[in-house]
Amino acid sequence: MTALGKKSLWLACLSAMPLLADAQVQPSASAVLIEKGQKEATIDLKNNSDEAVLLYSKVSKLPDDDLDGGVLYTVPQTVVVAPGKNQTVRVIFRGNKPLDKEHIARVLFSGLPPQQQAAGKVKFVIGQDLPVIIGVDPNVSEVDTWKQISFKQTQGKLCMSNPSRKVFRFDPTMSSAPTKADITFNKAYVLPGETLCQALTSPLAANASLTFNSVSSFNFMLQTHVIQLSGQASKP
């Protein structure tokens, strides 16, 4: 299975040409999962470069998930990591009440090379941008979550609803048949209790089918699914 984790290119310092070698930090996992009832999780970052790096970690809340009023942060936020060495980072969640559903955020790890570099150089940093899933119930399988997702075509849009307590993650581009049209949603997850809609360029047939891929919490493709839409084709 192929990991879907994103690598973000971050410009650390601007100057003149040419380029210096990249400083890289490699995470031990493709996501951070904080289990239900727990307050934190840890992840190891390895400095794969041949020089020490200043490791930065930063949490980003997503605009549609306020974490139920909780706070998410990392410890340490900055630390020097020697060449070839590992650094453990704690990802900590603090809330005022027990969570009854999953939440999602992101954490960015990046390593800045030493500042003692020759003049006329450009330094780039390769960052690791990973999902953080909070409130994961280890007793609930995510393999069958897709079965709880419902699809509906309405008012020129394709909508998917998630009544479960899990964040449903998927490849945002789906294909339809028999029209063979691609439909791309503007994000790759549906929060618990959320209905996510995407405008259609043309209405789907009443008997249309959709093919889509579900994605695990660890950013791996789980399965390919084919579902049949019910009801009448809507008008745009």
Foldseek 3Di string as FASTA:
>chain_A
DDFPFDKDKDFDDDAADDEDDEWAKDKPFQAAEAAFPGFKTKIKIFGQDQAKWWKAKDKFADPVFCVQVKDWDKPPRIDIDGHGDMDMMMIGIDDDDGDPAKDKIKMKIWTHGDPPDDHRYTYIIIIGIHMYIYHHHPVDDPLCQVVQWDWAADPQKIKIFRQDRYKWFWQQWKAKPPVRDIFGFPHGIAHHGGMGIGGDPFWDAQFMKIWIWTADNRRHTRDIDIDTHHDGTYGD
